């Protein structure tokens, strides 16, 4: 995948529903969010997405993408996400993707509120 395609996948995970997560998130993925969500793994990630309002838009800045020598890609960025009628959510984020059996999978995502 190209760098631009990774960023498009990342945006889709903010904006789209459970179908995007099923398409890109590995079964053994670990996600870390501010409380009350906390640490989510496996199917609890998709369940959480299905129960929450999706973001209407997300602005990504200070974007960094690194390809490792062992078939992984790490994204790091600042996000500002917006929902209807809510305050913006601002966070520093990281996501790690691995290439396995011909497909790319998100295996880690972390958000730190700012």
N, C-alpha and C. Protein backbone atom coordinates (compact mmCIF):
# COMPACT_ATOMS: atom_id res chain seq x y z
N UNK A 1 0.85 -1.19 0.00
CA UNK A 1 0.00 0.00 0.00
C UNK A 1 0.88 1.23 0.00
N UNK A 2 0.37 2.29 -0.59
CA UNK A 2 1.10 3.55 -0.59
C UNK A 2 0.88 4.28 0.73
N UNK A 3 1.71 5.27 0.99
CA UNK A 3 1.54 6.08 2.19
C UNK A 3 0.15 6.70 2.22
N UNK A 4 -0.30 7.25 1.10
CA UNK A 4 -1.62 7.89 1.03
C UNK A 4 -2.73 6.89 1.36
N UNK A 5 -2.58 5.64 0.92
CA UNK A 5 -3.60 4.63 1.21
C UNK A 5 -3.66 4.31 2.71
N UNK A 6 -2.51 4.28 3.37
CA UNK A 6 -2.54 4.07 4.82
C UNK A 6 -3.30 5.19 5.52
N UNK A 7 -3.04 6.42 5.11
CA UNK A 7 -3.75 7.54 5.74
C UNK A 7 -5.24 7.49 5.45
N UNK A 8 -5.63 7.03 4.28
CA UNK A 8 -7.05 6.90 3.95
C UNK A 8 -7.71 5.82 4.82
N UNK A 9 -7.02 4.71 5.04
CA UNK A 9 -7.54 3.68 5.94
C UNK A 9 -7.71 4.25 7.34
N UNK A 10 -6.71 4.97 7.81
CA UNK A 10 -6.76 5.54 9.15
C UNK A 10 -7.97 6.47 9.30
N UNK A 11 -8.19 7.33 8.31
CA UNK A 11 -9.37 8.22 8.34
C UNK A 11 -10.67 7.41 8.35
N UNK A 12 -10.71 6.34 7.56
CA UNK A 12 -11.93 5.53 7.51
C UNK A 12 -12.26 4.92 8.86
N UNK A 13 -11.23 4.59 9.64
CA UNK A 13 -11.48 4.01 10.96
C UNK A 13 -12.07 5.04 11.93
N UNK A 14 -11.81 6.30 11.71
CA UNK A 14 -12.45 7.36 12.49
C UNK A 14 -13.89 7.59 12.04
N UNK A 15 -14.13 7.54 10.75
CA UNK A 15 -15.39 8.02 10.20
C UNK A 15 -16.42 6.94 9.88
N UNK A 16 -15.98 5.75 9.57
CA UNK A 16 -16.91 4.69 9.16
C UNK A 16 -17.24 3.78 10.33
N UNK A 17 -18.17 2.89 10.13
CA UNK A 17 -18.66 2.02 11.18
C UNK A 17 -17.92 0.71 11.30
N UNK A 18 -18.59 -0.27 11.91
CA UNK A 18 -17.97 -1.57 12.17
C UNK A 18 -17.42 -2.26 10.93
N UNK A 19 -18.01 -2.02 9.76
CA UNK A 19 -17.52 -2.69 8.55
C UNK A 19 -16.07 -2.32 8.25
N UNK A 20 -15.69 -1.08 8.49
CA UNK A 20 -14.30 -0.66 8.28
C UNK A 20 -13.37 -1.38 9.26
N UNK A 21 -13.82 -1.53 10.49
CA UNK A 21 -13.00 -2.21 11.49
C UNK A 21 -12.84 -3.68 11.16
N UNK A 22 -13.90 -4.32 10.70
CA UNK A 22 -13.80 -5.73 10.33
C UNK A 22 -12.85 -5.92 9.14
N UNK A 23 -12.79 -4.92 8.26
CA UNK A 23 -11.94 -5.02 7.07
C UNK A 23 -10.46 -4.81 7.38
N UNK A 24 -10.13 -4.03 8.42
CA UNK A 24 -8.73 -3.63 8.63
C UNK A 24 -8.13 -4.03 9.97
N UNK A 25 -8.95 -4.32 10.97
CA UNK A 25 -8.43 -4.55 12.32
C UNK A 25 -8.19 -6.04 12.55
N UNK A 26 -6.97 -6.36 12.95
CA UNK A 26 -6.60 -7.76 13.23
C UNK A 26 -7.38 -8.29 14.42
N UNK A 27 -7.64 -9.58 14.41
CA UNK A 27 -8.38 -10.21 15.50
C UNK A 27 -7.67 -10.05 16.84
N UNK A 28 -6.34 -9.94 16.84
CA UNK A 28 -5.58 -9.79 18.08
C UNK A 28 -5.13 -8.35 18.33
N UNK A 29 -5.79 -7.39 17.69
CA UNK A 29 -5.45 -5.97 17.85
C UNK A 29 -5.66 -5.52 19.29
N UNK A 30 -4.83 -4.57 19.72
CA UNK A 30 -4.97 -3.94 21.03
C UNK A 30 -5.12 -2.43 20.80
N UNK A 31 -6.17 -1.85 21.39
CA UNK A 31 -6.39 -0.41 21.30
C UNK A 31 -6.46 0.18 22.70
N UNK A 32 -5.86 1.36 22.87
CA UNK A 32 -5.82 2.02 24.16
C UNK A 32 -6.40 3.43 24.00
N UNK A 33 -7.48 3.68 24.76
CA UNK A 33 -8.17 4.96 24.70
C UNK A 33 -8.23 5.57 26.10
N UNK A 34 -8.47 6.88 26.17
CA UNK A 34 -8.73 7.47 27.48
C UNK A 34 -9.96 6.80 28.11
N UNK A 35 -10.03 6.81 29.43
CA UNK A 35 -11.21 6.27 30.11
C UNK A 35 -12.43 7.08 29.69
N UNK A 36 -13.59 6.49 29.56
CA UNK A 36 -13.96 5.19 30.12
C UNK A 36 -13.69 4.01 29.19
N UNK A 37 -13.33 4.23 27.94
CA UNK A 37 -13.13 3.11 27.02
C UNK A 37 -11.97 2.23 27.48
N UNK A 38 -10.83 2.84 27.80
CA UNK A 38 -9.69 2.08 28.30
C UNK A 38 -9.06 1.19 27.25
N UNK A 39 -8.70 -0.03 27.64
CA UNK A 39 -8.02 -0.98 26.76
C UNK A 39 -9.07 -1.90 26.14
N UNK A 40 -9.04 -1.98 24.81
CA UNK A 40 -9.96 -2.85 24.07
C UNK A 40 -9.15 -3.82 23.24
N UNK A 41 -9.67 -5.05 23.14
CA UNK A 41 -9.01 -6.07 22.33
C UNK A 41 -10.06 -6.84 21.55
N UNK A 42 -9.62 -7.46 20.47
CA UNK A 42 -10.45 -8.38 19.70
C UNK A 42 -11.82 -7.83 19.34
N UNK A 43 -12.83 -8.66 19.53
CA UNK A 43 -14.20 -8.31 19.13
C UNK A 43 -14.77 -7.16 19.94
N UNK A 44 -14.23 -6.89 21.14
CA UNK A 44 -14.73 -5.76 21.93
C UNK A 44 -14.48 -4.43 21.21
N UNK A 45 -13.49 -4.39 20.32
CA UNK A 45 -13.23 -3.18 19.54
C UNK A 45 -14.41 -2.91 18.61
N UNK A 46 -14.82 -3.92 17.86
CA UNK A 46 -15.93 -3.76 16.92
C UNK A 46 -17.23 -3.49 17.68
N UNK A 47 -17.45 -4.16 18.80
CA UNK A 47 -18.65 -3.93 19.60
C UNK A 47 -18.71 -2.48 20.08
N UNK A 48 -17.59 -1.94 20.51
CA UNK A 48 -17.54 -0.57 20.98
C UNK A 48 -17.87 0.41 19.85
N UNK A 49 -17.33 0.16 18.67
CA UNK A 49 -17.60 1.02 17.51
C UNK A 49 -19.08 0.96 17.15
N UNK A 50 -19.66 -0.21 17.18
CA UNK A 50 -21.07 -0.38 16.81
C UNK A 50 -22.00 0.37 17.75
N UNK A 51 -21.58 0.55 19.00
CA UNK A 51 -22.42 1.21 20.01
C UNK A 51 -22.20 2.72 20.11
N UNK A 52 -21.19 3.24 19.44
CA UNK A 52 -20.86 4.67 19.61
C UNK A 52 -21.22 5.47 18.36
N UNK A 53 -21.47 6.75 18.57
CA UNK A 53 -21.67 7.66 17.44
C UNK A 53 -20.37 7.81 16.70
N UNK A 54 -20.41 7.76 15.40
CA UNK A 54 -19.20 7.93 14.61
C UNK A 54 -18.86 9.42 14.51
N UNK A 55 -17.62 9.67 14.26
CA UNK A 55 -17.14 11.03 14.06
C UNK A 55 -17.61 11.51 12.70
N UNK A 56 -17.97 12.78 12.60
CA UNK A 56 -18.41 13.33 11.32
C UNK A 56 -17.24 13.79 10.47
N UNK A 57 -16.18 14.22 11.15
CA UNK A 57 -14.97 14.60 10.42
C UNK A 57 -13.78 14.49 11.35
N UNK A 58 -12.62 14.30 10.74
CA UNK A 58 -11.38 14.24 11.50
C UNK A 58 -10.32 15.00 10.71
N UNK A 59 -9.57 15.79 11.43
CA UNK A 59 -8.44 16.51 10.84
C UNK A 59 -7.16 15.89 11.40
N UNK A 60 -6.30 15.47 10.51
CA UNK A 60 -5.03 14.85 10.90
C UNK A 60 -3.90 15.81 10.57
N UNK A 61 -3.04 16.05 11.56
CA UNK A 61 -1.89 16.94 11.34
C UNK A 61 -0.66 16.32 12.00
N UNK A 62 0.49 16.96 11.78
CA UNK A 62 1.76 16.48 12.32
C UNK A 62 1.95 14.99 12.01
N UNK A 63 1.56 14.59 10.82
CA UNK A 63 1.53 13.18 10.43
C UNK A 63 2.94 12.64 10.16
N UNK A 64 3.22 11.47 10.73
CA UNK A 64 4.48 10.75 10.52
C UNK A 64 4.13 9.32 10.14
N UNK A 65 4.76 8.82 9.10
CA UNK A 65 4.61 7.42 8.69
C UNK A 65 6.00 6.82 8.56
N UNK A 66 6.20 5.68 9.23
CA UNK A 66 7.49 4.99 9.15
C UNK A 66 7.26 3.54 8.75
N UNK A 67 8.02 3.09 7.78
CA UNK A 67 8.02 1.69 7.37
C UNK A 67 9.22 1.02 8.02
N UNK A 68 8.96 -0.08 8.70
CA UNK A 68 10.06 -0.79 9.35
C UNK A 68 10.62 -1.82 8.38
N UNK A 69 11.76 -2.34 8.69
CA UNK A 69 12.39 -3.34 7.83
C UNK A 69 11.73 -4.70 7.92
N UNK A 70 10.82 -4.89 8.88
CA UNK A 70 10.22 -6.22 9.05
C UNK A 70 8.74 -6.26 8.64
N UNK A 71 8.34 -5.41 7.71
CA UNK A 71 6.99 -5.47 7.17
C UNK A 71 5.92 -4.83 8.01
N UNK A 72 6.29 -3.83 8.78
CA UNK A 72 5.31 -3.10 9.58
C UNK A 72 5.33 -1.63 9.17
N UNK A 73 4.20 -0.96 9.40
CA UNK A 73 4.08 0.47 9.16
C UNK A 73 3.51 1.10 10.42
N UNK A 74 4.14 2.19 10.87
CA UNK A 74 3.69 2.90 12.06
C UNK A 74 3.26 4.30 11.65
N UNK A 75 2.06 4.68 12.07
CA UNK A 75 1.56 6.04 11.86
C UNK A 75 1.51 6.74 13.21
N UNK A 76 1.89 8.00 13.23
CA UNK A 76 1.74 8.83 14.43
C UNK A 76 1.22 10.18 13.97
N UNK A 77 0.30 10.76 14.73
CA UNK A 77 -0.32 12.00 14.28
C UNK A 77 -1.12 12.67 15.40
N UNK A 78 -1.48 13.90 15.14
CA UNK A 78 -2.40 14.64 16.00
C UNK A 78 -3.75 14.62 15.30
N UNK A 79 -4.81 14.30 16.05
CA UNK A 79 -6.16 14.26 15.47
C UNK A 79 -7.06 15.24 16.19
N UNK A 80 -7.94 15.85 15.42
CA UNK A 80 -9.04 16.64 15.98
C UNK A 80 -10.30 16.12 15.31
N UNK A 81 -11.15 15.46 16.09
CA UNK A 81 -12.34 14.82 15.56
C UNK A 81 -13.59 15.54 16.07
N UNK A 82 -14.62 15.55 15.24
CA UNK A 82 -15.85 16.28 15.56
C UNK A 82 -17.07 15.39 15.38
N UNK A 83 -17.99 15.47 16.36
CA UNK A 83 -19.31 14.85 16.28
C UNK A 83 -20.35 15.96 16.35
N UNK A 84 -21.53 15.68 15.83
CA UNK A 84 -22.61 16.67 15.86
C UNK A 84 -22.91 17.06 17.30
N UNK A 85 -22.90 18.38 17.56
CA UNK A 85 -23.28 18.89 18.86
C UNK A 85 -22.29 18.65 19.98
N UNK A 86 -21.14 18.08 19.69
CA UNK A 86 -20.17 17.79 20.75
C UNK A 86 -18.93 18.64 20.65
N UNK A 87 -18.17 18.64 21.72
CA UNK A 87 -16.88 19.33 21.72
C UNK A 87 -15.89 18.52 20.89
N UNK A 88 -14.92 19.19 20.29
CA UNK A 88 -13.90 18.44 19.53
C UNK A 88 -13.10 17.51 20.44
N UNK A 89 -12.72 16.39 19.90
CA UNK A 89 -11.83 15.45 20.60
C UNK A 89 -10.45 15.64 19.99
N UNK A 90 -9.49 16.01 20.82
CA UNK A 90 -8.12 16.22 20.36
C UNK A 90 -7.22 15.17 21.01
N UNK A 91 -6.41 14.52 20.18
CA UNK A 91 -5.58 13.43 20.70
C UNK A 91 -4.32 13.29 19.88
N UNK A 92 -3.26 12.80 20.55
CA UNK A 92 -2.08 12.29 19.87
C UNK A 92 -2.32 10.81 19.67
N UNK A 93 -2.08 10.31 18.47
CA UNK A 93 -2.45 8.93 18.13
C UNK A 93 -1.28 8.19 17.50
N UNK A 94 -1.30 6.88 17.67
CA UNK A 94 -0.38 6.02 16.92
C UNK A 94 -1.14 4.77 16.50
N UNK A 95 -0.77 4.26 15.34
CA UNK A 95 -1.34 3.03 14.82
C UNK A 95 -0.22 2.23 14.18
N UNK A 96 -0.28 0.92 14.37
CA UNK A 96 0.72 0.03 13.77
C UNK A 96 0.01 -1.01 12.91
N UNK A 97 0.50 -1.15 11.68
CA UNK A 97 -0.04 -2.11 10.72
C UNK A 97 1.05 -3.13 10.40
N UNK A 98 0.63 -4.39 10.21
CA UNK A 98 1.56 -5.42 9.78
C UNK A 98 1.02 -6.08 8.52
N UNK A 99 1.95 -6.55 7.71
CA UNK A 99 1.61 -7.26 6.48
C UNK A 99 1.66 -8.74 6.78
N UNK A 100 0.51 -9.42 6.59
CA UNK A 100 0.44 -10.83 6.92
C UNK A 100 -0.43 -11.54 5.89
N UNK A 101 0.10 -12.58 5.29
CA UNK A 101 -0.62 -13.41 4.31
C UNK A 101 -1.21 -12.57 3.18
N UNK A 102 -0.46 -11.57 2.75
CA UNK A 102 -0.89 -10.75 1.61
C UNK A 102 -1.78 -9.59 1.94
N UNK A 103 -2.17 -9.42 3.21
CA UNK A 103 -3.04 -8.32 3.62
C UNK A 103 -2.38 -7.47 4.70
N UNK A 104 -2.82 -6.23 4.79
CA UNK A 104 -2.38 -5.34 5.86
C UNK A 104 -3.42 -5.34 6.96
N UNK A 105 -2.96 -5.38 8.22
CA UNK A 105 -3.85 -5.41 9.38
C UNK A 105 -3.39 -4.42 10.44
N UNK A 106 -4.34 -3.70 11.00
CA UNK A 106 -4.06 -2.84 12.15
C UNK A 106 -3.93 -3.73 13.38
N UNK A 107 -2.79 -3.65 14.06
CA UNK A 107 -2.56 -4.49 15.24
C UNK A 107 -2.47 -3.68 16.53
N UNK A 108 -2.37 -2.36 16.40
CA UNK A 108 -2.25 -1.50 17.59
C UNK A 108 -2.74 -0.11 17.25
N UNK A 109 -3.50 0.49 18.16
CA UNK A 109 -3.89 1.90 18.05
C UNK A 109 -3.95 2.45 19.46
N UNK A 110 -3.46 3.68 19.64
CA UNK A 110 -3.43 4.32 20.94
C UNK A 110 -3.76 5.79 20.79
N UNK A 111 -4.54 6.32 21.73
CA UNK A 111 -4.87 7.75 21.73
C UNK A 111 -4.57 8.34 23.11
N UNK A 112 -3.91 9.49 23.09
CA UNK A 112 -3.67 10.26 24.31
C UNK A 112 -4.34 11.61 24.14
N UNK A 113 -5.30 11.91 24.99
CA UNK A 113 -6.01 13.19 24.88
C UNK A 113 -5.07 14.35 25.12
N UNK A 114 -5.27 15.41 24.36
CA UNK A 114 -4.50 16.64 24.57
C UNK A 114 -5.45 17.80 24.77
